[in-house]
Amino acid sequence: EAGQIRLSPPGESDVSAATWTRFSPAFLTLKPGETEQVIVDM
């Protein structure tokens, strides 16, 4: 009610879209100043 975010395991919620979703990569190592893209497919 105060607007604080609550996290729970994926797929537990009745309104979860986590099971529709795939992403890549699963791991990243970023050097100083480096930027990488994560692709999220729904």
ModelCIF file with pLDDT and N, C-alpha, C, O atoms, coordinates in Angstrom:
data_MODEL
#
_entry.id   MODEL 
#
_entity.id                         1 
_entity.type                       polymer 
_entity.pdbx_number_of_molecules   1 
#
_entity_poly.entity_id                      1 
_entity_poly.type                           'polypeptide(L)' 
_entity_poly.nstd_linkage                   no 
_entity_poly.nstd_monomer                   no 
_entity_poly.pdbx_seq_one_letter_code       EAGQIRLSPPGESDVSAATWTRFSPAFLTLKPGETEQVIVDM 
_entity_poly.pdbx_seq_one_letter_code_can   EAGQIRLSPPGESDVSAATWTRFSPAFLTLKPGETEQVIVDM 
_entity_poly.pdbx_strand_id                 A 
#
loop_
_entity_poly_seq.entity_id 
_entity_poly_seq.num 
_entity_poly_seq.mon_id 
_entity_poly_seq.hetero 
1 1  GLU n 
1 2  ALA n 
1 3  GLY n 
1 4  GLN n 
1 5  ILE n 
1 6  ARG n 
1 7  LEU n 
1 8  SER n 
1 9  PRO n 
1 10 PRO n 
1 11 GLY n 
1 12 GLU n 
1 13 SER n 
1 14 ASP n 
1 15 VAL n 
1 16 SER n 
1 17 ALA n 
1 18 ALA n 
1 19 THR n 
1 20 TRP n 
1 21 THR n 
1 22 ARG n 
1 23 PHE n 
1 24 SER n 
1 25 PRO n 
1 26 ALA n 
1 27 PHE n 
1 28 LEU n 
1 29 THR n 
1 30 LEU n 
1 31 LYS n 
1 32 PRO n 
1 33 GLY n 
1 34 GLU n 
1 35 THR n 
1 36 GLU n 
1 37 GLN n 
1 38 VAL n 
1 39 ILE n 
1 40 VAL n 
1 41 ASP n 
1 42 MET n 
#
_struct_asym.id          A 
_struct_asym.entity_id   1 
#
loop_
_ma_qa_metric.id 
_ma_qa_metric.mode 
_ma_qa_metric.name 
_ma_qa_metric.software_group_id 
_ma_qa_metric.type 
1 global pLDDT . pLDDT 
2 local  pLDDT . pLDDT 
#
_ma_qa_metric_global.metric_id      1 
_ma_qa_metric_global.metric_value   94.98 
_ma_qa_metric_global.model_id       1 
_ma_qa_metric_global.ordinal_id     1 
#
loop_
_ma_qa_metric_local.label_asym_id 
_ma_qa_metric_local.label_comp_id 
_ma_qa_metric_local.label_seq_id 
_ma_qa_metric_local.metric_id 
_ma_qa_metric_local.metric_value 
_ma_qa_metric_local.model_id 
_ma_qa_metric_local.ordinal_id 
A GLU 1  2 94.00 1 1  
A ALA 2  2 93.00 1 2  
A GLY 3  2 92.00 1 3  
A GLN 4  2 93.00 1 4  
A ILE 5  2 93.00 1 5  
A ARG 6  2 93.00 1 6  
A LEU 7  2 94.00 1 7  
A SER 8  2 94.00 1 8  
A PRO 9  2 95.00 1 9  
A PRO 10 2 96.00 1 10 
A GLY 11 2 95.00 1 11 
A GLU 12 2 94.00 1 12 
A SER 13 2 94.00 1 13 
A ASP 14 2 93.00 1 14 
A VAL 15 2 95.00 1 15 
A SER 16 2 97.00 1 16 
A ALA 17 2 97.00 1 17 
A ALA 18 2 97.00 1 18 
A THR 19 2 95.00 1 19 
A TRP 20 2 95.00 1 20 
A THR 21 2 97.00 1 21 
A ARG 22 2 97.00 1 22 
A PHE 23 2 97.00 1 23 
A SER 24 2 97.00 1 24 
A PRO 25 2 96.00 1 25 
A ALA 26 2 96.00 1 26 
A PHE 27 2 96.00 1 27 
A LEU 28 2 94.00 1 28 
A THR 29 2 95.00 1 29 
A LEU 30 2 93.00 1 30 
A LYS 31 2 93.00 1 31 
A PRO 32 2 91.00 1 32 
A GLY 33 2 91.00 1 33 
A GLU 34 2 93.00 1 34 
A THR 35 2 94.00 1 35 
A GLU 36 2 95.00 1 36 
A GLN 37 2 97.00 1 37 
A VAL 38 2 97.00 1 38 
A ILE 39 2 98.00 1 39 
A VAL 40 2 98.00 1 40 
A ASP 41 2 98.00 1 41 
A MET 42 2 97.00 1 42 
#
loop_
_atom_site.group_PDB 
_atom_site.id 
_atom_site.type_symbol 
_atom_site.label_atom_id 
_atom_site.label_alt_id 
_atom_site.label_comp_id 
_atom_site.label_asym_id 
_atom_site.label_entity_id 
_atom_site.label_seq_id 
_atom_site.pdbx_PDB_ins_code 
_atom_site.Cartn_x 
_atom_site.Cartn_y 
_atom_site.Cartn_z 
_atom_site.occupancy 
_atom_site.B_iso_or_equiv 
_atom_site.pdbx_formal_charge 
_atom_site.auth_seq_id 
_atom_site.auth_comp_id 
_atom_site.auth_asym_id 
_atom_site.auth_atom_id 
_atom_site.pdbx_PDB_model_num 
ATOM 1   N N  . GLU A 1 1  ? 0.812  -1.218  0.000   1.00 94.00 ? 1  GLU A N  1 
ATOM 2   C CA . GLU A 1 1  ? 0.000  0.000   0.000   1.00 94.00 ? 1  GLU A CA 1 
ATOM 3   C C  . GLU A 1 1  ? 0.844  1.266   0.000   1.00 94.00 ? 1  GLU A C  1 
ATOM 4   O O  . GLU A 1 1  ? 0.387  2.320   -0.442  1.00 94.00 ? 1  GLU A O  1 
ATOM 5   N N  . ALA A 1 2  ? 2.074  1.165   0.494   1.00 93.00 ? 2  ALA A N  1 
ATOM 6   C CA . ALA A 1 2  ? 2.954  2.334   0.517   1.00 93.00 ? 2  ALA A CA 1 
ATOM 7   C C  . ALA A 1 2  ? 3.737  2.499   -0.782  1.00 93.00 ? 2  ALA A C  1 
ATOM 8   O O  . ALA A 1 2  ? 4.495  3.458   -0.932  1.00 93.00 ? 2  ALA A O  1 
ATOM 9   N N  . GLY A 1 3  ? 3.556  1.564   -1.725  1.00 92.00 ? 3  GLY A N  1 
ATOM 10  C CA . GLY A 1 3  ? 4.248  1.659   -2.999  1.00 92.00 ? 3  GLY A CA 1 
ATOM 11  C C  . GLY A 1 3  ? 5.594  0.975   -3.033  1.00 92.00 ? 3  GLY A C  1 
ATOM 12  O O  . GLY A 1 3  ? 6.347  1.148   -3.991  1.00 92.00 ? 3  GLY A O  1 
ATOM 13  N N  . GLN A 1 4  ? 5.923  0.188   -1.994  1.00 93.00 ? 4  GLN A N  1 
ATOM 14  C CA . GLN A 1 4  ? 7.177  -0.550  -1.983  1.00 93.00 ? 4  GLN A CA 1 
ATOM 15  C C  . GLN A 1 4  ? 7.036  -1.852  -2.770  1.00 93.00 ? 4  GLN A C  1 
ATOM 16  O O  . GLN A 1 4  ? 6.006  -2.523  -2.699  1.00 93.00 ? 4  GLN A O  1 
ATOM 17  N N  . ILE A 1 5  ? 8.073  -2.199  -3.515  1.00 93.00 ? 5  ILE A N  1 
ATOM 18  C CA . ILE A 1 5  ? 8.010  -3.370  -4.389  1.00 93.00 ? 5  ILE A CA 1 
ATOM 19  C C  . ILE A 1 5  ? 8.238  -4.643  -3.588  1.00 93.00 ? 5  ILE A C  1 
ATOM 20  O O  . ILE A 1 5  ? 9.139  -4.716  -2.752  1.00 93.00 ? 5  ILE A O  1 
ATOM 21  N N  . ARG A 1 6  ? 7.403  -5.647  -3.858  1.00 93.00 ? 6  ARG A N  1 
ATOM 22  C CA . ARG A 1 6  ? 7.547  -6.964  -3.250  1.00 93.00 ? 6  ARG A CA 1 
ATOM 23  C C  . ARG A 1 6  ? 7.795  -7.972  -4.360  1.00 93.00 ? 6  ARG A C  1 
ATOM 24  O O  . ARG A 1 6  ? 7.030  -8.052  -5.321  1.00 93.00 ? 6  ARG A O  1 
ATOM 25  N N  . LEU A 1 7  ? 8.875  -8.745  -4.221  1.00 94.00 ? 7  LEU A N  1 
ATOM 26  C CA . LEU A 1 7  ? 9.224  -9.758  -5.200  1.00 94.00 ? 7  LEU A CA 1 
ATOM 27  C C  . LEU A 1 7  ? 8.829  -11.139 -4.695  1.00 94.00 ? 7  LEU A C  1 
ATOM 28  O O  . LEU A 1 7  ? 8.828  -11.411 -3.495  1.00 94.00 ? 7  LEU A O  1 
ATOM 29  N N  . SER A 1 8  ? 8.491  -12.005 -5.651  1.00 94.00 ? 8  SER A N  1 
ATOM 30  C CA . SER A 1 8  ? 8.184  -13.395 -5.331  1.00 94.00 ? 8  SER A CA 1 
ATOM 31  C C  . SER A 1 8  ? 8.688  -14.271 -6.481  1.00 94.00 ? 8  SER A C  1 
ATOM 32  O O  . SER A 1 8  ? 8.959  -13.763 -7.569  1.00 94.00 ? 8  SER A O  1 
ATOM 33  N N  . PRO A 1 9  ? 8.816  -15.593 -6.249  1.00 95.00 ? 9  PRO A N  1 
ATOM 34  C CA . PRO A 1 9  ? 9.333  -16.468 -7.315  1.00 95.00 ? 9  PRO A CA 1 
ATOM 35  C C  . PRO A 1 9  ? 8.484  -16.402 -8.578  1.00 95.00 ? 9  PRO A C  1 
ATOM 36  O O  . PRO A 1 9  ? 7.270  -16.216 -8.493  1.00 95.00 ? 9  PRO A O  1 
ATOM 37  N N  . PRO A 1 10 ? 9.102  -16.552 -9.751  1.00 96.00 ? 10 PRO A N  1 
ATOM 38  C CA . PRO A 1 10 ? 8.370  -16.434 -11.017 1.00 96.00 ? 10 PRO A CA 1 
ATOM 39  C C  . PRO A 1 10 ? 7.311  -17.513 -11.158 1.00 96.00 ? 10 PRO A C  1 
ATOM 40  O O  . PRO A 1 10 ? 7.552  -18.684 -10.862 1.00 96.00 ? 10 PRO A O  1 
ATOM 41  N N  . GLY A 1 11 ? 6.130  -17.100 -11.617 1.00 95.00 ? 11 GLY A N  1 
ATOM 42  C CA . GLY A 1 11 ? 5.039  -18.037 -11.864 1.00 95.00 ? 11 GLY A CA 1 
ATOM 43  C C  . GLY A 1 11 ? 4.114  -18.254 -10.696 1.00 95.00 ? 11 GLY A C  1 
ATOM 44  O O  . GLY A 1 11 ? 3.118  -18.964 -10.838 1.00 95.00 ? 11 GLY A O  1 
ATOM 45  N N  . GLU A 1 12 ? 4.398  -17.671 -9.543  1.00 94.00 ? 12 GLU A N  1 
ATOM 46  C CA . GLU A 1 12 ? 3.554  -17.878 -8.368  1.00 94.00 ? 12 GLU A CA 1 
ATOM 47  C C  . GLU A 1 12 ? 2.287  -17.029 -8.404  1.00 94.00 ? 12 GLU A C  1 
ATOM 48  O O  . GLU A 1 12 ? 1.238  -17.460 -7.925  1.00 94.00 ? 12 GLU A O  1 
ATOM 49  N N  . SER A 1 13 ? 2.375  -15.843 -8.960  1.00 94.00 ? 13 SER A N  1 
ATOM 50  C CA . SER A 1 13 ? 1.253  -14.913 -8.945  1.00 94.00 ? 13 SER A CA 1 
ATOM 51  C C  . SER A 1 13 ? 0.217  -15.290 -9.990  1.00 94.00 ? 13 SER A C  1 
ATOM 52  O O  . SER A 1 13 ? 0.545  -15.848 -11.037 1.00 94.00 ? 13 SER A O  1 
ATOM 53  N N  . ASP A 1 14 ? -1.063 -14.972 -9.687  1.00 93.00 ? 14 ASP A N  1 
ATOM 54  C CA . ASP A 1 14 ? -2.143 -15.200 -10.642 1.00 93.00 ? 14 ASP A CA 1 
ATOM 55  C C  . ASP A 1 14 ? -2.014 -14.308 -11.875 1.00 93.00 ? 14 ASP A C  1 
ATOM 56  O O  . ASP A 1 14 ? -2.596 -14.598 -12.920 1.00 93.00 ? 14 ASP A O  1 
ATOM 57  N N  . VAL A 1 15 ? -1.255 -13.232 -11.751 1.00 95.00 ? 15 VAL A N  1 
ATOM 58  C CA . VAL A 1 15 ? -1.095 -12.315 -12.883 1.00 95.00 ? 15 VAL A CA 1 
ATOM 59  C C  . VAL A 1 15 ? 0.336  -12.374 -13.436 1.00 95.00 ? 15 VAL A C  1 
ATOM 60  O O  . VAL A 1 15 ? 0.788  -11.433 -14.088 1.00 95.00 ? 15 VAL A O  1 
ATOM 61  N N  . SER A 1 16 ? 1.031  -13.456 -13.181 1.00 97.00 ? 16 SER A N  1 
ATOM 62  C CA . SER A 1 16 ? 2.412  -13.584 -13.649 1.00 97.00 ? 16 SER A CA 1 
ATOM 63  C C  . SER A 1 16 ? 2.477  -13.798 -15.156 1.00 97.00 ? 16 SER A C  1 
ATOM 64  O O  . SER A 1 16 ? 1.723  -14.590 -15.722 1.00 97.00 ? 16 SER A O  1 
ATOM 65  N N  . ALA A 1 17 ? 3.395  -13.076 -15.794 1.00 97.00 ? 17 ALA A N  1 
ATOM 66  C CA . ALA A 1 17 ? 3.719  -13.312 -17.203 1.00 97.00 ? 17 ALA A CA 1 
ATOM 67  C C  . ALA A 1 17 ? 5.111  -13.914 -17.346 1.00 97.00 ? 17 ALA A C  1 
ATOM 68  O O  . ALA A 1 17 ? 5.651  -13.982 -18.451 1.00 97.00 ? 17 ALA A O  1 
ATOM 69  N N  . ALA A 1 18 ? 5.693  -14.351 -16.232 1.00 97.00 ? 18 ALA A N  1 
ATOM 70  C CA . ALA A 1 18 ? 7.060  -14.893 -16.274 1.00 97.00 ? 18 ALA A CA 1 
ATOM 71  C C  . ALA A 1 18 ? 7.145  -16.153 -17.116 1.00 97.00 ? 18 ALA A C  1 
ATOM 72  O O  . ALA A 1 18 ? 8.160  -16.391 -17.771 1.00 97.00 ? 18 ALA A O  1 
ATOM 73  N N  . THR A 1 19 ? 6.087  -16.970 -17.109 1.00 95.00 ? 19 THR A N  1 
ATOM 74  C CA . THR A 1 19 ? 6.125  -18.219 -17.876 1.00 95.00 ? 19 THR A CA 1 
ATOM 75  C C  . THR A 1 19 ? 6.014  -17.971 -19.377 1.00 95.00 ? 19 THR A C  1 
ATOM 76  O O  . THR A 1 19 ? 6.270  -18.874 -20.173 1.00 95.00 ? 19 THR A O  1 
ATOM 77  N N  . TRP A 1 20 ? 5.636  -16.755 -19.771 1.00 95.00 ? 20 TRP A N  1 
ATOM 78  C CA . TRP A 1 20 ? 5.571  -16.420 -21.197 1.00 95.00 ? 20 TRP A CA 1 
ATOM 79  C C  . TRP A 1 20 ? 6.914  -15.925 -21.717 1.00 95.00 ? 20 TRP A C  1 
ATOM 80  O O  . TRP A 1 20 ? 7.064  -15.701 -22.918 1.00 95.00 ? 20 TRP A O  1 
ATOM 81  N N  . THR A 1 21 ? 7.878  -15.753 -20.844 1.00 97.00 ? 21 THR A N  1 
ATOM 82  C CA . THR A 1 21 ? 9.027  -14.914 -21.129 1.00 97.00 ? 21 THR A CA 1 
ATOM 83  C C  . THR A 1 21 ? 10.334 -15.698 -21.184 1.00 97.00 ? 21 THR A C  1 
ATOM 84  O O  . THR A 1 21 ? 10.580 -16.582 -20.363 1.00 97.00 ? 21 THR A O  1 
ATOM 85  N N  . ARG A 1 22 ? 11.160 -15.361 -22.160 1.00 97.00 ? 22 ARG A N  1 
ATOM 86  C CA . ARG A 1 22 ? 12.511 -15.883 -22.268 1.00 97.00 ? 22 ARG A CA 1 
ATOM 87  C C  . ARG A 1 22 ? 13.455 -14.696 -22.455 1.00 97.00 ? 22 ARG A C  1 
ATOM 88  O O  . ARG A 1 22 ? 13.064 -13.671 -23.012 1.00 97.00 ? 22 ARG A O  1 
ATOM 89  N N  . PHE A 1 23 ? 14.687 -14.834 -21.992 1.00 97.00 ? 23 PHE A N  1 
ATOM 90  C CA . PHE A 1 23 ? 15.650 -13.731 -22.117 1.00 97.00 ? 23 PHE A CA 1 
ATOM 91  C C  . PHE A 1 23 ? 17.045 -14.300 -22.349 1.00 97.00 ? 23 PHE A C  1 
ATOM 92  O O  . PHE A 1 23 ? 17.323 -15.460 -22.048 1.00 97.00 ? 23 PHE A O  1 
ATOM 93  N N  . SER A 1 24 ? 17.900 -13.467 -22.883 1.00 97.00 ? 24 SER A N  1 
ATOM 94  C CA . SER A 1 24 ? 19.284 -13.869 -23.148 1.00 97.00 ? 24 SER A CA 1 
ATOM 95  C C  . SER A 1 24 ? 20.158 -12.615 -23.182 1.00 97.00 ? 24 SER A C  1 
ATOM 96  O O  . SER A 1 24 ? 19.752 -11.595 -23.739 1.00 97.00 ? 24 SER A O  1 
ATOM 97  N N  . PRO A 1 25 ? 21.365 -12.682 -22.589 1.00 96.00 ? 25 PRO A N  1 
ATOM 98  C CA . PRO A 1 25 ? 22.000 -13.815 -21.914 1.00 96.00 ? 25 PRO A CA 1 
ATOM 99  C C  . PRO A 1 25 ? 21.543 -13.949 -20.469 1.00 96.00 ? 25 PRO A C  1 
ATOM 100 O O  . PRO A 1 25 ? 20.831 -13.090 -19.950 1.00 96.00 ? 25 PRO A O  1 
ATOM 101 N N  . ALA A 1 26 ? 21.961 -15.043 -19.822 1.00 96.00 ? 26 ALA A N  1 
ATOM 102 C CA . ALA A 1 26 ? 21.620 -15.270 -18.416 1.00 96.00 ? 26 ALA A CA 1 
ATOM 103 C C  . ALA A 1 26 ? 22.710 -14.744 -17.484 1.00 96.00 ? 26 ALA A C  1 
ATOM 104 O O  . ALA A 1 26 ? 22.474 -14.556 -16.290 1.00 96.00 ? 26 ALA A O  1 
ATOM 105 N N  . PHE A 1 27 ? 23.913 -14.507 -18.039 1.00 96.00 ? 27 PHE A N  1 
ATOM 106 C CA . PHE A 1 27 ? 25.038 -14.006 -17.239 1.00 96.00 ? 27 PHE A CA 1 
ATOM 107 C C  . PHE A 1 27 ? 25.740 -12.906 -18.011 1.00 96.00 ? 27 PHE A C  1 
ATOM 108 O O  . PHE A 1 27 ? 25.840 -12.960 -19.237 1.00 96.00 ? 27 PHE A O  1 
ATOM 109 N N  . LEU A 1 28 ? 26.228 -11.902 -17.283 1.00 94.00 ? 28 LEU A N  1 
ATOM 110 C CA . LEU A 1 28 ? 26.964 -10.799 -17.893 1.00 94.00 ? 28 LEU A CA 1 
ATOM 111 C C  . LEU A 1 28 ? 28.167 -10.442 -17.029 1.00 94.00 ? 28 LEU A C  1 
ATOM 112 O O  . LEU A 1 28 ? 28.082 -10.442 -15.801 1.00 94.00 ? 28 LEU A O  1 
ATOM 113 N N  . THR A 1 29 ? 29.276 -10.142 -17.673 1.00 95.00 ? 29 THR A N  1 
ATOM 114 C CA . THR A 1 29 ? 30.411 -9.540  -16.998 1.00 95.00 ? 29 THR A CA 1 
ATOM 115 C C  . THR A 1 29 ? 30.713 -8.231  -17.703 1.00 95.00 ? 29 THR A C  1 
ATOM 116 O O  . THR A 1 29 ? 31.033 -8.205  -18.891 1.00 95.00 ? 29 THR A O  1 
ATOM 117 N N  . LEU A 1 30 ? 30.605 -7.143  -16.948 1.00 93.00 ? 30 LEU A N  1 
ATOM 118 C CA . LEU A 1 30 ? 30.748 -5.813  -17.532 1.00 93.00 ? 30 LEU A CA 1 
ATOM 119 C C  . LEU A 1 30 ? 32.020 -5.154  -17.006 1.00 93.00 ? 30 LEU A C  1 
ATOM 120 O O  . LEU A 1 30 ? 32.225 -5.016  -15.800 1.00 93.00 ? 30 LEU A O  1 
ATOM 121 N N  . LYS A 1 31 ? 32.859 -4.755  -17.944 1.00 93.00 ? 31 LYS A N  1 
ATOM 122 C CA . LYS A 1 31 ? 34.046 -3.996  -17.577 1.00 93.00 ? 31 LYS A CA 1 
ATOM 123 C C  . LYS A 1 31 ? 33.635 -2.551  -17.259 1.00 93.00 ? 31 LYS A C  1 
ATOM 124 O O  . LYS A 1 31 ? 32.523 -2.142  -17.594 1.00 93.00 ? 31 LYS A O  1 
ATOM 125 N N  . PRO A 1 32 ? 34.502 -1.790  -16.629 1.00 91.00 ? 32 PRO A N  1 
ATOM 126 C CA . PRO A 1 32 ? 34.161 -0.394  -16.320 1.00 91.00 ? 32 PRO A CA 1 
ATOM 127 C C  . PRO A 1 32 ? 33.703 0.374   -17.559 1.00 91.00 ? 32 PRO A C  1 
ATOM 128 O O  . PRO A 1 32 ? 34.383 0.384   -18.584 1.00 91.00 ? 32 PRO A O  1 
ATOM 129 N N  . GLY A 1 33 ? 32.549 1.010   -17.448 1.00 91.00 ? 33 GLY A N  1 
ATOM 130 C CA . GLY A 1 33 ? 31.998 1.803   -18.548 1.00 91.00 ? 33 GLY A CA 1 
ATOM 131 C C  . GLY A 1 33 ? 31.330 1.006   -19.647 1.00 91.00 ? 33 GLY A C  1 
ATOM 132 O O  . GLY A 1 33 ? 30.858 1.592   -20.621 1.00 91.00 ? 33 GLY A O  1 
ATOM 133 N N  . GLU A 1 34 ? 31.273 -0.317  -19.525 1.00 93.00 ? 34 GLU A N  1 
ATOM 134 C CA . GLU A 1 34 ? 30.732 -1.158  -20.588 1.00 93.00 ? 34 GLU A CA 1 
ATOM 135 C C  . GLU A 1 34 ? 29.214 -1.301  -20.464 1.00 93.00 ? 34 GLU A C  1 
ATOM 136 O O  . GLU A 1 34 ? 28.675 -1.322  -19.357 1.00 93.00 ? 34 GLU A O  1 
ATOM 137 N N  . THR A 1 35 ? 28.532 -1.400  -21.605 1.00 94.00 ? 35 THR A N  1 
ATOM 138 C CA . THR A 1 35 ? 27.077 -1.600  -21.677 1.00 94.00 ? 35 THR A CA 1 
ATOM 139 C C  . THR A 1 35 ? 26.775 -2.822  -22.524 1.00 94.00 ? 35 THR A C  1 
ATOM 140 O O  . THR A 1 35 ? 27.375 -3.015  -23.581 1.00 94.00 ? 35 THR A O  1 
ATOM 141 N N  . GLU A 1 36 ? 25.849 -3.642  -22.064 1.00 95.00 ? 36 GLU A N  1 
ATOM 142 C CA . GLU A 1 36 ? 25.405 -4.812  -22.822 1.00 95.00 ? 36 GLU A CA 1 
ATOM 143 C C  . GLU A 1 36 ? 23.882 -4.808  -22.920 1.00 95.00 ? 36 GLU A C  1 
ATOM 144 O O  . GLU A 1 36 ? 23.192 -4.203  -22.100 1.00 95.00 ? 36 GLU A O  1 
ATOM 145 N N  . GLN A 1 37 ? 23.378 -5.496  -23.941 1.00 97.00 ? 37 GLN A N  1 
ATOM 146 C CA . GLN A 1 37 ? 21.940 -5.606  -24.151 1.00 97.00 ? 37 GLN A CA 1 
ATOM 147 C C  . GLN A 1 37 ? 21.430 -6.979  -23.725 1.00 97.00 ? 37 GLN A C  1 
ATOM 148 O O  . GLN A 1 37 ? 22.064 -8.003  -23.978 1.00 97.00 ? 37 GLN A O  1 
ATOM 149 N N  . VAL A 1 38 ? 20.279 -6.974  -23.077 1.00 97.00 ? 38 VAL A N  1 
ATOM 150 C CA . VAL A 1 38 ? 19.571 -8.207  -22.751 1.00 97.00 ? 38 VAL A CA 1 
ATOM 151 C C  . VAL A 1 38 ? 18.306 -8.230  -23.598 1.00 97.00 ? 38 VAL A C  1 
ATOM 152 O O  . VAL A 1 38 ? 17.524 -7.279  -23.582 1.00 97.00 ? 38 VAL A O  1 
ATOM 153 N N  . ILE A 1 39 ? 18.108 -9.318  -24.334 1.00 98.00 ? 39 ILE A N  1 
ATOM 154 C CA . ILE A 1 39 ? 16.937 -9.464  -25.196 1.00 98.00 ? 39 ILE A CA 1 
ATOM 155 C C  . ILE A 1 39 ? 15.855 -10.211 -24.425 1.00 98.00 ? 39 ILE A C  1 
ATOM 156 O O  . ILE A 1 39 ? 16.074 -11.322 -23.943 1.00 98.00 ? 39 ILE A O  1 
ATOM 157 N N  . VAL A 1 40 ? 14.692 -9.591  -24.316 1.00 98.00 ? 40 VAL A N  1 
ATOM 158 C CA . VAL A 1 40 ? 13.567 -10.189 -23.600 1.00 98.00 ? 40 VAL A CA 1 
ATOM 159 C C  . VAL A 1 40 ? 12.458 -10.473 -24.618 1.00 98.00 ? 40 VAL A C  1 
ATOM 160 O O  . VAL A 1 40 ? 11.924 -9.552  -25.235 1.00 98.00 ? 40 VAL A O  1 
ATOM 161 N N  . ASP A 1 41 ? 12.119 -11.750 -24.785 1.00 98.00 ? 41 ASP A N  1 
ATOM 162 C CA . ASP A 1 41 ? 11.067 -12.170 -25.709 1.00 98.00 ? 41 ASP A CA 1 
ATOM 163 C C  . ASP A 1 41 ? 9.855  -12.643 -24.920 1.00 98.00 ? 41 ASP A C  1 
ATOM 164 O O  . ASP A 1 41 ? 9.978  -13.446 -23.995 1.00 98.00 ? 41 ASP A O  1 
ATOM 165 N N  . MET A 1 42 ? 8.670  -12.133 -25.297 1.00 97.00 ? 42 MET A N  1 
ATOM 166 C CA . MET A 1 42 ? 7.414  -12.475 -24.629 1.00 97.00 ? 42 MET A CA 1 
ATOM 167 C C  . MET A 1 42 ? 6.442  -13.060 -25.638 1.00 97.00 ? 42 MET A C  1 
ATOM 168 O O  . MET A 1 42 ? 5.319  -13.416 -25.279 1.00 97.00 ? 42 MET A O  1 
#
